[in-house]
């Protein structure tokens, strides 16, 4: 469930993100908007493409790889095998007033 999220002014000059393409940065903002209250998104390129780039041929596929490479997102699978994206440092940057754990995606299993 998409909720209102906060983008801090520091986002625009983040030294790891600022060197990425505009599509990579827009993808990251889209993930923030899509994330549940615990910073998790179902790792499904088609669904994320439809949310971030509706009515467009652009895709998040390469951007997700780039964001994972610079450790802004973590990709993994839940215990049931569902592919999950977790936004790194979610709780440092987002304050969720009334988190809804029942609506949250499961955490990914970390190696």
PDB file of N, CA and C in Angstrom:
ATOM      1  N   UNK A   1       0.845  -1.178   0.000  1.00  0.00           N
ATOM      2  CA  UNK A   1       0.000   0.000   0.000  1.00  0.00           C
ATOM      3  C   UNK A   1       0.886   1.234   0.000  1.00  0.00           C
ATOM      4  N   UNK A   2       0.745   2.067  -0.998  1.00  0.00           N
ATOM      5  CA  UNK A   2       1.519   3.303  -1.075  1.00  0.00           C
ATOM      6  C   UNK A   2       1.005   4.300  -0.044  1.00  0.00           C
ATOM      7  N   UNK A   3       1.920   4.953   0.643  1.00  0.00           N
ATOM      8  CA  UNK A   3       1.572   5.964   1.630  1.00  0.00           C
ATOM      9  C   UNK A   3       2.399   7.199   1.369  1.00  0.00           C
ATOM     10  N   UNK A   4       2.036   8.275   2.020  1.00  0.00           N
ATOM     11  CA  UNK A   4       2.806   9.507   1.889  1.00  0.00           C
ATOM     12  C   UNK A   4       4.149   9.298   2.573  1.00  0.00           C
ATOM     13  N   UNK A   5       5.215   9.624   1.880  1.00  0.00           N
ATOM     14  CA  UNK A   5       6.566   9.471   2.408  1.00  0.00           C
ATOM     15  C   UNK A   5       7.299  10.805   2.362  1.00  0.00           C
ATOM     16  N   UNK A   6       8.371  10.883   3.134  1.00  0.00           N
ATOM     17  CA  UNK A   6       9.178  12.093   3.221  1.00  0.00           C
ATOM     18  C   UNK A   6      10.477  11.902   2.442  1.00  0.00           C
ATOM     19  N   UNK A   7      10.817  12.909   1.640  1.00  0.00           N
ATOM     20  CA  UNK A   7      12.110  12.918   0.957  1.00  0.00           C
ATOM     21  C   UNK A   7      12.923  14.052   1.596  1.00  0.00           C
ATOM     22  N   UNK A   8      14.011  13.692   2.227  1.00  0.00           N
ATOM     23  CA  UNK A   8      14.847  14.696   2.895  1.00  0.00           C
ATOM     24  C   UNK A   8      15.649  15.479   1.863  1.00  0.00           C
ATOM     25  N   UNK A   9      15.949  16.736   2.146  1.00  0.00           N
ATOM     26  CA  UNK A   9      16.751  17.543   1.211  1.00  0.00           C
ATOM     27  C   UNK A   9      18.114  16.925   0.901  1.00  0.00           C
ATOM     28  N   UNK A  10      18.655  16.144   1.827  1.00  0.00           N
ATOM     29  CA  UNK A  10      19.958  15.513   1.622  1.00  0.00           C
ATOM     30  C   UNK A  10      19.938  14.494   0.482  1.00  0.00           C
ATOM     31  N   UNK A  11      18.743  14.031   0.120  1.00  0.00           N
ATOM     32  CA  UNK A  11      18.625  13.063  -0.979  1.00  0.00           C
ATOM     33  C   UNK A  11      19.326  13.583  -2.224  1.00  0.00           C
ATOM     34  N   UNK A  12      19.141  14.851  -2.538  1.00  0.00           N
ATOM     35  CA  UNK A  12      19.609  15.425  -3.802  1.00  0.00           C
ATOM     36  C   UNK A  12      21.125  15.523  -3.889  1.00  0.00           C
ATOM     37  N   UNK A  13      21.817  15.512  -2.744  1.00  0.00           N
ATOM     38  CA  UNK A  13      23.282  15.596  -2.795  1.00  0.00           C
ATOM     39  C   UNK A  13      23.958  14.364  -2.201  1.00  0.00           C
ATOM     40  N   UNK A  14      23.206  13.298  -2.000  1.00  0.00           N
ATOM     41  CA  UNK A  14      23.775  12.047  -1.517  1.00  0.00           C
ATOM     42  C   UNK A  14      24.884  11.612  -2.474  1.00  0.00           C
ATOM     43  N   UNK A  15      26.088  11.412  -1.950  1.00  0.00           N
ATOM     44  CA  UNK A  15      27.235  11.160  -2.835  1.00  0.00           C
ATOM     45  C   UNK A  15      27.157   9.850  -3.599  1.00  0.00           C
ATOM     46  N   UNK A  16      26.450   8.860  -3.097  1.00  0.00           N
ATOM     47  CA  UNK A  16      26.303   7.604  -3.848  1.00  0.00           C
ATOM     48  C   UNK A  16      25.196   7.718  -4.886  1.00  0.00           C
ATOM     49  N   UNK A  17      24.081   8.354  -4.529  1.00  0.00           N
ATOM     50  CA  UNK A  17      22.961   8.470  -5.458  1.00  0.00           C
ATOM     51  C   UNK A  17      23.191   9.530  -6.529  1.00  0.00           C
ATOM     52  N   UNK A  18      23.876  10.604  -6.184  1.00  0.00           N
ATOM     53  CA  UNK A  18      24.003  11.728  -7.124  1.00  0.00           C
ATOM     54  C   UNK A  18      24.783  11.382  -8.388  1.00  0.00           C
ATOM     55  N   UNK A  19      25.583  10.331  -8.349  1.00  0.00           N
ATOM     56  CA  UNK A  19      26.336   9.938  -9.543  1.00  0.00           C
ATOM     57  C   UNK A  19      25.540   8.998 -10.451  1.00  0.00           C
ATOM     58  N   UNK A  20      24.391   8.541  -9.968  1.00  0.00           N
ATOM     59  CA  UNK A  20      23.554   7.646 -10.768  1.00  0.00           C
ATOM     60  C   UNK A  20      22.729   8.439 -11.776  1.00  0.00           C
ATOM     61  N   UNK A  21      22.168   7.738 -12.735  1.00  0.00           N
ATOM     62  CA  UNK A  21      21.321   8.381 -13.743  1.00  0.00           C
ATOM     63  C   UNK A  21      20.034   8.889 -13.103  1.00  0.00           C
ATOM     64  N   UNK A  22      19.373   9.783 -13.798  1.00  0.00           N
ATOM     65  CA  UNK A  22      18.095  10.314 -13.316  1.00  0.00           C
ATOM     66  C   UNK A  22      17.067   9.187 -13.177  1.00  0.00           C
ATOM     67  N   UNK A  23      17.083   8.220 -14.090  1.00  0.00           N
ATOM     68  CA  UNK A  23      16.138   7.101 -13.997  1.00  0.00           C
ATOM     69  C   UNK A  23      16.411   6.266 -12.745  1.00  0.00           C
ATOM     70  N   UNK A  24      17.669   6.065 -12.392  1.00  0.00           N
ATOM     71  CA  UNK A  24      18.006   5.325 -11.175  1.00  0.00           C
ATOM     72  C   UNK A  24      17.476   6.064  -9.946  1.00  0.00           C
ATOM     73  N   UNK A  25      17.674   7.373  -9.901  1.00  0.00           N
ATOM     74  CA  UNK A  25      17.215   8.161  -8.755  1.00  0.00           C
ATOM     75  C   UNK A  25      15.692   8.202  -8.693  1.00  0.00           C
ATOM     76  N   UNK A  26      15.039   8.309  -9.840  1.00  0.00           N
ATOM     77  CA  UNK A  26      13.581   8.296  -9.884  1.00  0.00           C
ATOM     78  C   UNK A  26      13.044   6.931  -9.446  1.00  0.00           C
ATOM     79  N   UNK A  27      13.728   5.882  -9.829  1.00  0.00           N
ATOM     80  CA  UNK A  27      13.342   4.542  -9.385  1.00  0.00           C
ATOM     81  C   UNK A  27      13.417   4.443  -7.868  1.00  0.00           C
ATOM     82  N   UNK A  28      14.477   4.985  -7.282  1.00  0.00           N
ATOM     83  CA  UNK A  28      14.621   4.939  -5.826  1.00  0.00           C
ATOM     84  C   UNK A  28      13.482   5.706  -5.152  1.00  0.00           C
ATOM     85  N   UNK A  29      13.138   6.869  -5.678  1.00  0.00           N
ATOM     86  CA  UNK A  29      12.010   7.621  -5.127  1.00  0.00           C
ATOM     87  C   UNK A  29      10.711   6.838  -5.268  1.00  0.00           C
ATOM     88  N   UNK A  30      10.543   6.160  -6.389  1.00  0.00           N
ATOM     89  CA  UNK A  30       9.358   5.334  -6.587  1.00  0.00           C
ATOM     90  C   UNK A  30       9.286   4.201  -5.571  1.00  0.00           C
ATOM     91  N   UNK A  31      10.425   3.571  -5.288  1.00  0.00           N
ATOM     92  CA  UNK A  31      10.451   2.499  -4.290  1.00  0.00           C
ATOM     93  C   UNK A  31      10.055   3.028  -2.915  1.00  0.00           C
ATOM     94  N   UNK A  32      10.532   4.215  -2.581  1.00  0.00           N
ATOM     95  CA  UNK A  32      10.162   4.824  -1.303  1.00  0.00           C
ATOM     96  C   UNK A  32       8.649   5.027  -1.247  1.00  0.00           C
ATOM     97  N   UNK A  33       8.075   5.477  -2.341  1.00  0.00           N
ATOM     98  CA  UNK A  33       6.625   5.697  -2.387  1.00  0.00           C
ATOM     99  C   UNK A  33       5.837   4.392  -2.326  1.00  0.00           C
ATOM    100  N   UNK A  34       6.373   3.335  -2.899  1.00  0.00           N
ATOM    101  CA  UNK A  34       5.690   2.038  -2.935  1.00  0.00           C
ATOM    102  C   UNK A  34       5.831   1.248  -1.639  1.00  0.00           C
ATOM    103  N   UNK A  35       6.863   1.515  -0.882  1.00  0.00           N
ATOM    104  CA  UNK A  35       7.232   0.664   0.250  1.00  0.00           C
ATOM    105  C   UNK A  35       6.148   0.581   1.315  1.00  0.00           C
ATOM    106  N   UNK A  36       6.099  -0.588   1.945  1.00  0.00           N
ATOM    107  CA  UNK A  36       5.206  -0.741   3.087  1.00  0.00           C
ATOM    108  C   UNK A  36       5.813   0.004   4.282  1.00  0.00           C
ATOM    109  N   UNK A  37       5.213  -0.118   5.437  1.00  0.00           N
ATOM    110  CA  UNK A  37       5.663   0.635   6.608  1.00  0.00           C
ATOM    111  C   UNK A  37       7.017   0.197   7.144  1.00  0.00           C
ATOM    112  N   UNK A  38       7.566  -0.871   6.583  1.00  0.00           N
ATOM    113  CA  UNK A  38       8.860  -1.363   7.024  1.00  0.00           C
ATOM    114  C   UNK A  38       9.915  -1.264   5.916  1.00  0.00           C
ATOM    115  N   UNK A  39       9.590  -0.522   4.847  1.00  0.00           N
ATOM    116  CA  UNK A  39      10.541  -0.287   3.767  1.00  0.00           C
ATOM    117  C   UNK A  39      10.702  -1.443   2.816  1.00  0.00           C
ATOM    118  N   UNK A  40       9.659  -2.265   2.668  1.00  0.00           N
ATOM    119  CA  UNK A  40       9.732  -3.441   1.799  1.00  0.00           C
ATOM    120  C   UNK A  40       8.798  -3.302   0.607  1.00  0.00           C
ATOM    121  N   UNK A  41       9.262  -3.843  -0.522  1.00  0.00           N
ATOM    122  CA  UNK A  41       8.503  -3.833  -1.768  1.00  0.00           C
ATOM    123  C   UNK A  41       8.639  -5.223  -2.386  1.00  0.00           C
ATOM    124  N   UNK A  42       7.569  -5.717  -2.974  1.00  0.00           N
ATOM    125  CA  UNK A  42       7.642  -6.989  -3.709  1.00  0.00           C
ATOM    126  C   UNK A  42       8.568  -6.760  -4.904  1.00  0.00           C
ATOM    127  N   UNK A  43       9.590  -7.575  -5.043  1.00  0.00           N
ATOM    128  CA  UNK A  43      10.584  -7.426  -6.112  1.00  0.00           C
ATOM    129  C   UNK A  43      10.013  -8.013  -7.403  1.00  0.00           C
ATOM    130  N   UNK A  44       9.194  -7.212  -8.069  1.00  0.00           N
ATOM    131  CA  UNK A  44       8.554  -7.610  -9.321  1.00  0.00           C
ATOM    132  C   UNK A  44       8.724  -6.441 -10.296  1.00  0.00           C
ATOM    133  N   UNK A  45       9.618  -6.606 -11.256  1.00  0.00           N
ATOM    134  CA  UNK A  45       9.962  -5.520 -12.178  1.00  0.00           C
ATOM    135  C   UNK A  45       8.731  -4.977 -12.890  1.00  0.00           C
ATOM    136  N   UNK A  46       7.843  -5.836 -13.345  1.00  0.00           N
ATOM    137  CA  UNK A  46       6.653  -5.376 -14.073  1.00  0.00           C
ATOM    138  C   UNK A  46       5.768  -4.492 -13.209  1.00  0.00           C
ATOM    139  N   UNK A  47       5.581  -4.868 -11.953  1.00  0.00           N
ATOM    140  CA  UNK A  47       4.750  -4.082 -11.042  1.00  0.00           C
ATOM    141  C   UNK A  47       5.414  -2.735 -10.732  1.00  0.00           C
ATOM    142  N   UNK A  48       6.712  -2.769 -10.485  1.00  0.00           N
ATOM    143  CA  UNK A  48       7.431  -1.525 -10.182  1.00  0.00           C
ATOM    144  C   UNK A  48       7.463  -0.623 -11.412  1.00  0.00           C
ATOM    145  N   UNK A  49       7.692  -1.212 -12.603  1.00  0.00           N
ATOM    146  CA  UNK A  49       7.644  -0.430 -13.849  1.00  0.00           C
ATOM    147  C   UNK A  49       6.302   0.282 -13.988  1.00  0.00           C
ATOM    148  N   UNK A  50       5.209  -0.429 -13.744  1.00  0.00           N
ATOM    149  CA  UNK A  50       3.871   0.146 -13.902  1.00  0.00           C
ATOM    150  C   UNK A  50       3.629   1.286 -12.920  1.00  0.00           C
ATOM    151  N   UNK A  51       4.229   1.191 -11.738  1.00  0.00           N
ATOM    152  CA  UNK A  51       4.058   2.240 -10.731  1.00  0.00           C
ATOM    153  C   UNK A  51       4.927   3.459 -11.046  1.00  0.00           C
ATOM    154  N   UNK A  52       6.204   3.211 -11.344  1.00  0.00           N
ATOM    155  CA  UNK A  52       7.173   4.304 -11.517  1.00  0.00           C
ATOM    156  C   UNK A  52       7.093   4.927 -12.911  1.00  0.00           C
ATOM    157  N   UNK A  53       6.889   4.102 -13.925  1.00  0.00           N
ATOM    158  CA  UNK A  53       6.897   4.577 -15.308  1.00  0.00           C
ATOM    159  C   UNK A  53       5.621   4.179 -16.060  1.00  0.00           C
ATOM    160  N   UNK A  54       4.461   4.598 -15.581  1.00  0.00           N
ATOM    161  CA  UNK A  54       3.237   4.239 -16.312  1.00  0.00           C
ATOM    162  C   UNK A  54       3.235   4.898 -17.692  1.00  0.00           C
ATOM    163  N   UNK A  55       2.673   4.219 -18.650  1.00  0.00           N
ATOM    164  CA  UNK A  55       2.566   4.752 -20.014  1.00  0.00           C
ATOM    165  C   UNK A  55       3.925   5.101 -20.602  1.00  0.00           C
ATOM    166  N   UNK A  56       4.938   4.295 -20.292  1.00  0.00           N
ATOM    167  CA  UNK A  56       6.298   4.567 -20.744  1.00  0.00           C
ATOM    168  C   UNK A  56       6.980   3.244 -21.085  1.00  0.00           C
ATOM    169  N   UNK A  57       7.989   3.317 -21.919  1.00  0.00           N
ATOM    170  CA  UNK A  57       8.802   2.141 -22.242  1.00  0.00           C
ATOM    171  C   UNK A  57       9.986   2.004 -21.280  1.00  0.00           C
ATOM    172  N   UNK A  58      10.181   2.983 -20.387  1.00  0.00           N
ATOM    173  CA  UNK A  58      11.286   2.918 -19.432  1.00  0.00           C
ATOM    174  C   UNK A  58      11.086   1.740 -18.482  1.00  0.00           C
ATOM    175  N   UNK A  59      12.191   1.224 -17.952  1.00  0.00           N
ATOM    176  CA  UNK A  59      12.131   0.101 -17.031  1.00  0.00           C
ATOM    177  C   UNK A  59      13.077   0.324 -15.856  1.00  0.00           C
ATOM    178  N   UNK A  60      12.703  -0.263 -14.724  1.00  0.00           N
ATOM    179  CA  UNK A  60      13.512  -0.165 -13.513  1.00  0.00           C
ATOM    180  C   UNK A  60      14.550  -1.275 -13.412  1.00  0.00           C
ATOM    181  N   UNK A  61      14.544  -2.221 -14.325  1.00  0.00           N
ATOM    182  CA  UNK A  61      15.392  -3.419 -14.214  1.00  0.00           C
ATOM    183  C   UNK A  61      16.855  -3.065 -13.921  1.00  0.00           C
ATOM    184  N   UNK A  62      17.465  -2.244 -14.741  1.00  0.00           N
ATOM    185  CA  UNK A  62      18.869  -1.879 -14.539  1.00  0.00           C
ATOM    186  C   UNK A  62      19.047  -1.002 -13.302  1.00  0.00           C
ATOM    187  N   UNK A  63      18.086  -0.143 -13.057  1.00  0.00           N
ATOM    188  CA  UNK A  63      18.161   0.738 -11.887  1.00  0.00           C
ATOM    189  C   UNK A  63      18.172  -0.054 -10.589  1.00  0.00           C
ATOM    190  N   UNK A  64      17.368  -1.104 -10.511  1.00  0.00           N
ATOM    191  CA  UNK A  64      17.360  -1.934  -9.306  1.00  0.00           C
ATOM    192  C   UNK A  64      18.731  -2.576  -9.082  1.00  0.00           C
ATOM    193  N   UNK A  65      19.353  -3.023 -10.148  1.00  0.00           N
ATOM    194  CA  UNK A  65      20.699  -3.596 -10.028  1.00  0.00           C
ATOM    195  C   UNK A  65      21.689  -2.540  -9.547  1.00  0.00           C
ATOM    196  N   UNK A  66      21.587  -1.330 -10.093  1.00  0.00           N
ATOM    197  CA  UNK A  66      22.492  -0.246  -9.685  1.00  0.00           C
ATOM    198  C   UNK A  66      22.275   0.143  -8.225  1.00  0.00           C
ATOM    199  N   UNK A  67      21.034   0.234  -7.793  1.00  0.00           N
ATOM    200  CA  UNK A  67      20.728   0.595  -6.402  1.00  0.00           C
ATOM    201  C   UNK A  67      21.184  -0.501  -5.441  1.00  0.00           C
ATOM    202  N   UNK A  68      21.094  -1.737  -5.868  1.00  0.00           N
ATOM    203  CA  UNK A  68      21.578  -2.842  -5.054  1.00  0.00           C
ATOM    204  C   UNK A  68      23.106  -2.805  -4.963  1.00  0.00           C
ATOM    205  N   UNK A  69      23.751  -2.498  -6.073  1.00  0.00           N
ATOM    206  CA  UNK A  69      25.218  -2.445  -6.116  1.00  0.00           C
ATOM    207  C   UNK A  69      25.769  -1.410  -5.143  1.00  0.00           C
ATOM    208  N   UNK A  70      25.095  -0.259  -4.997  1.00  0.00           N
ATOM    209  CA  UNK A  70      25.584   0.784  -4.087  1.00  0.00           C
ATOM    210  C   UNK A  70      24.949   0.653  -2.697  1.00  0.00           C
ATOM    211  N   UNK A  71      24.262  -0.442  -2.469  1.00  0.00           N
ATOM    212  CA  UNK A  71      23.671  -0.816  -1.186  1.00  0.00           C
ATOM    213  C   UNK A  71      22.656   0.219  -0.678  1.00  0.00           C
ATOM    214  N   UNK A  72      21.829   0.705  -1.567  1.00  0.00           N
ATOM    215  CA  UNK A  72      20.690   1.544  -1.172  1.00  0.00           C
ATOM    216  C   UNK A  72      19.438   0.686  -1.032  1.00  0.00           C
ATOM    217  N   UNK A  73      19.452  -0.477  -1.699  1.00  0.00           N
ATOM    218  CA  UNK A  73      18.404  -1.474  -1.512  1.00  0.00           C
ATOM    219  C   UNK A  73      19.072  -2.827  -1.314  1.00  0.00           C
ATOM    220  N   UNK A  74      18.337  -3.733  -0.692  1.00  0.00           N
ATOM    221  CA  UNK A  74      18.806  -5.103  -0.508  1.00  0.00           C
ATOM    222  C   UNK A  74      17.745  -6.009  -1.127  1.00  0.00           C
ATOM    223  N   UNK A  75      18.166  -6.889  -1.993  1.00  0.00           N
ATOM    224  CA  UNK A  75      17.241  -7.821  -2.649  1.00  0.00           C
ATOM    225  C   UNK A  75      17.433  -9.204  -2.043  1.00  0.00           C
ATOM    226  N   UNK A  76      16.312  -9.868  -1.815  1.00  0.00           N
ATOM    227  CA  UNK A  76      16.370 -11.208  -1.241  1.00  0.00           C
ATOM    228  C   UNK A  76      15.027 -11.887  -1.379  1.00  0.00           C
ATOM    229  N   UNK A  77      14.848 -12.955  -0.668  1.00  0.00           N
ATOM    230  CA  UNK A  77      13.596 -13.708  -0.687  1.00  0.00           C
ATOM    231  C   UNK A  77      13.103 -13.900   0.736  1.00  0.00           C
ATOM    232  N   UNK A  78      11.779 -13.925   0.880  1.00  0.00           N
ATOM    233  CA  UNK A  78      11.189 -14.226   2.180  1.00  0.00           C
ATOM    234  C   UNK A  78      11.354 -15.718   2.451  1.00  0.00           C
ATOM    235  N   UNK A  79      10.983 -16.140   3.639  1.00  0.00           N
ATOM    236  CA  UNK A  79      11.094 -17.564   3.971  1.00  0.00           C
ATOM    237  C   UNK A  79      10.228 -18.428   3.064  1.00  0.00           C
ATOM    238  N   UNK A  80       9.176 -17.836   2.490  1.00  0.00           N
ATOM    239  CA  UNK A  80       8.313 -18.590   1.573  1.00  0.00           C
ATOM    240  C   UNK A  80       8.805 -18.510   0.126  1.00  0.00           C
ATOM    241  N   UNK A  81       9.882 -17.757  -0.115  1.00  0.00           N
ATOM    242  CA  UNK A  81      10.443 -17.658  -1.455  1.00  0.00           C
ATOM    243  C   UNK A  81      10.018 -16.420  -2.233  1.00  0.00           C
ATOM    244  N   UNK A  82       9.181 -15.556  -1.646  1.00  0.00           N
ATOM    245  CA  UNK A  82       8.752 -14.328  -2.329  1.00  0.00           C
ATOM    246  C   UNK A  82       9.935 -13.377  -2.476  1.00  0.00           C
ATOM    247  N   UNK A  83      10.193 -12.882  -3.698  1.00  0.00           N
ATOM    248  CA  UNK A  83      11.285 -11.919  -3.875  1.00  0.00           C
ATOM    249  C   UNK A  83      10.914 -10.569  -3.244  1.00  0.00           C
ATOM    250  N   UNK A  84      11.818 -10.065  -2.430  1.00  0.00           N
ATOM    251  CA  UNK A  84      11.571  -8.843  -1.655  1.00  0.00           C
ATOM    252  C   UNK A  84      12.718  -7.859  -1.875  1.00  0.00           C
ATOM    253  N   UNK A  85      12.366  -6.578  -1.958  1.00  0.00           N
ATOM    254  CA  UNK A  85      13.347  -5.494  -1.921  1.00  0.00           C
ATOM    255  C   UNK A  85      13.169  -4.799  -0.576  1.00  0.00           C
ATOM    256  N   UNK A  86      14.269  -4.573   0.116  1.00  0.00           N
ATOM    257  CA  UNK A  86      14.234  -3.796   1.353  1.00  0.00           C
ATOM    258  C   UNK A  86      15.070  -2.535   1.143  1.00  0.00           C
ATOM    259  N   UNK A  87      14.496  -1.397   1.487  1.00  0.00           N
ATOM    260  CA  UNK A  87      15.230  -0.138   1.394  1.00  0.00           C
ATOM    261  C   UNK A  87      16.143  -0.049   2.611  1.00  0.00           C
ATOM    262  N   UNK A  88      17.431   0.082   2.359  1.00  0.00           N
ATOM    263  CA  UNK A  88      18.436   0.119   3.420  1.00  0.00           C
ATOM    264  C   UNK A  88      18.265   1.412   4.233  1.00  0.00           C
ATOM    265  N   UNK A  89      18.394   1.297   5.537  1.00  0.00           N
ATOM    266  CA  UNK A  89      18.290   2.427   6.471  1.00  0.00           C
ATOM    267  C   UNK A  89      16.905   3.081   6.466  1.00  0.00           C
ATOM    268  N   UNK A  90      15.887   2.302   6.176  1.00  0.00           N
ATOM    269  CA  UNK A  90      14.511   2.817   6.120  1.00  0.00           C
ATOM    270  C   UNK A  90      14.145   3.596   7.383  1.00  0.00           C
ATOM    271  N   UNK A  91      14.403   3.015   8.550  1.00  0.00           N
ATOM    272  CA  UNK A  91      13.972   3.652   9.800  1.00  0.00           C
ATOM    273  C   UNK A  91      14.751   4.927  10.126  1.00  0.00           C
ATOM    274  N   UNK A  92      15.915   5.105   9.522  1.00  0.00           N
ATOM    275  CA  UNK A  92      16.668   6.351   9.729  1.00  0.00           C
ATOM    276  C   UNK A  92      16.063   7.508   8.944  1.00  0.00           C
ATOM    277  N   UNK A  93      15.332   7.196   7.883  1.00  0.00           N
ATOM    278  CA  UNK A  93      14.853   8.242   6.987  1.00  0.00           C
ATOM    279  C   UNK A  93      13.340   8.398   6.937  1.00  0.00           C
ATOM    280  N   UNK A  94      12.613   7.421   7.441  1.00  0.00           N
ATOM    281  CA  UNK A  94      11.151   7.485   7.413  1.00  0.00           C
ATOM    282  C   UNK A  94      10.604   7.252   8.815  1.00  0.00           C
ATOM    283  N   UNK A  95       9.701   8.135   9.227  1.00  0.00           N
ATOM    284  CA  UNK A  95       9.025   7.975  10.509  1.00  0.00           C
ATOM    285  C   UNK A  95       7.577   7.615  10.203  1.00  0.00           C
ATOM    286  N   UNK A  96       7.215   6.389  10.520  1.00  0.00           N
ATOM    287  CA  UNK A  96       5.859   5.914  10.270  1.00  0.00           C
ATOM    288  C   UNK A  96       5.086   6.038  11.579  1.00  0.00           C
ATOM    289  N   UNK A  97       4.068   6.910  11.585  1.00  0.00           N
ATOM    290  CA  UNK A  97       3.316   7.177  12.809  1.00  0.00           C
ATOM    291  C   UNK A  97       2.514   5.984  13.308  1.00  0.00           C
ATOM    292  N   UNK A  98       1.815   5.321  12.411  1.00  0.00           N
ATOM    293  CA  UNK A  98       0.979   4.186  12.806  1.00  0.00           C
ATOM    294  C   UNK A  98       1.273   2.998  11.902  1.00  0.00           C
ATOM    295  N   UNK A  99       2.415   2.336  12.146  1.00  0.00           N
ATOM    296  CA  UNK A  99       2.768   1.205  11.285  1.00  0.00           C
ATOM    297  C   UNK A  99       1.701   0.120  11.340  1.00  0.00           C
ATOM    298  N   UNK A 100       1.516  -0.531  10.213  1.00  0.00           N
ATOM    299  CA  UNK A 100       0.510  -1.580  10.095  1.00  0.00           C
ATOM    300  C   UNK A 100       1.197  -2.904   9.756  1.00  0.00           C
ATOM    301  N   UNK A 101       1.691  -3.601  10.779  1.00  0.00           N
ATOM    302  CA  UNK A 101       2.423  -4.850  10.543  1.00  0.00           C
ATOM    303  C   UNK A 101       1.619  -5.896   9.775  1.00  0.00           C
ATOM    304  N   UNK A 102       0.307  -5.912   9.930  1.00  0.00           N
ATOM    305  CA  UNK A 102      -0.505  -6.915   9.239  1.00  0.00           C
ATOM    306  C   UNK A 102      -0.477  -6.730   7.726  1.00  0.00           C
ATOM    307  N   UNK A 103      -0.185  -5.516   7.257  1.00  0.00           N
ATOM    308  CA  UNK A 103      -0.144  -5.236   5.824  1.00  0.00           C
ATOM    309  C   UNK A 103       1.274  -5.313   5.258  1.00  0.00           C
ATOM    310  N   UNK A 104       2.252  -5.559   6.115  1.00  0.00           N
ATOM    311  CA  UNK A 104       3.655  -5.555   5.693  1.00  0.00           C
ATOM    312  C   UNK A 104       4.041  -6.846   4.982  1.00  0.00           C
ATOM    313  N   UNK A 105       4.950  -6.712   4.047  1.00  0.00           N
ATOM    314  CA  UNK A 105       5.548  -7.876   3.406  1.00  0.00           C
ATOM    315  C   UNK A 105       6.485  -8.545   4.404  1.00  0.00           C
ATOM    316  N   UNK A 106       6.735  -9.833   4.243  1.00  0.00           N
ATOM    317  CA  UNK A 106       7.683 -10.499   5.147  1.00  0.00           C
ATOM    318  C   UNK A 106       9.099 -10.011   4.899  1.00  0.00           C
ATOM    319  N   UNK A 107       9.907 -10.066   5.937  1.00  0.00           N
ATOM    320  CA  UNK A 107      11.315  -9.677   5.802  1.00  0.00           C
ATOM    321  C   UNK A 107      12.032 -10.685   4.916  1.00  0.00           C
ATOM    322  N   UNK A 108      13.068 -10.219   4.222  1.00  0.00           N
ATOM    323  CA  UNK A 108      13.841 -11.139   3.402  1.00  0.00           C
ATOM    324  C   UNK A 108      14.809 -11.907   4.289  1.00  0.00           C
ATOM    325  N   UNK A 109      15.134 -13.101   3.865  1.00  0.00           N
ATOM    326  CA  UNK A 109      16.095 -13.929   4.582  1.00  0.00           C
ATOM    327  C   UNK A 109      17.478 -13.467   4.149  1.00  0.00           C
ATOM    328  N   UNK A 110      18.322 -13.181   5.092  1.00  0.00           N
ATOM    329  CA  UNK A 110      19.666 -12.729   4.768  1.00  0.00           C
ATOM    330  C   UNK A 110      20.641 -13.895   4.925  1.00  0.00           C
ATOM    331  N   UNK A 111      21.582 -13.988   3.977  1.00  0.00           N
ATOM    332  CA  UNK A 111      22.548 -15.095   4.062  1.00  0.00           C
ATOM    333  C   UNK A 111      23.460 -14.977   5.260  1.00  0.00           C
TER     334      UNK A 111
END
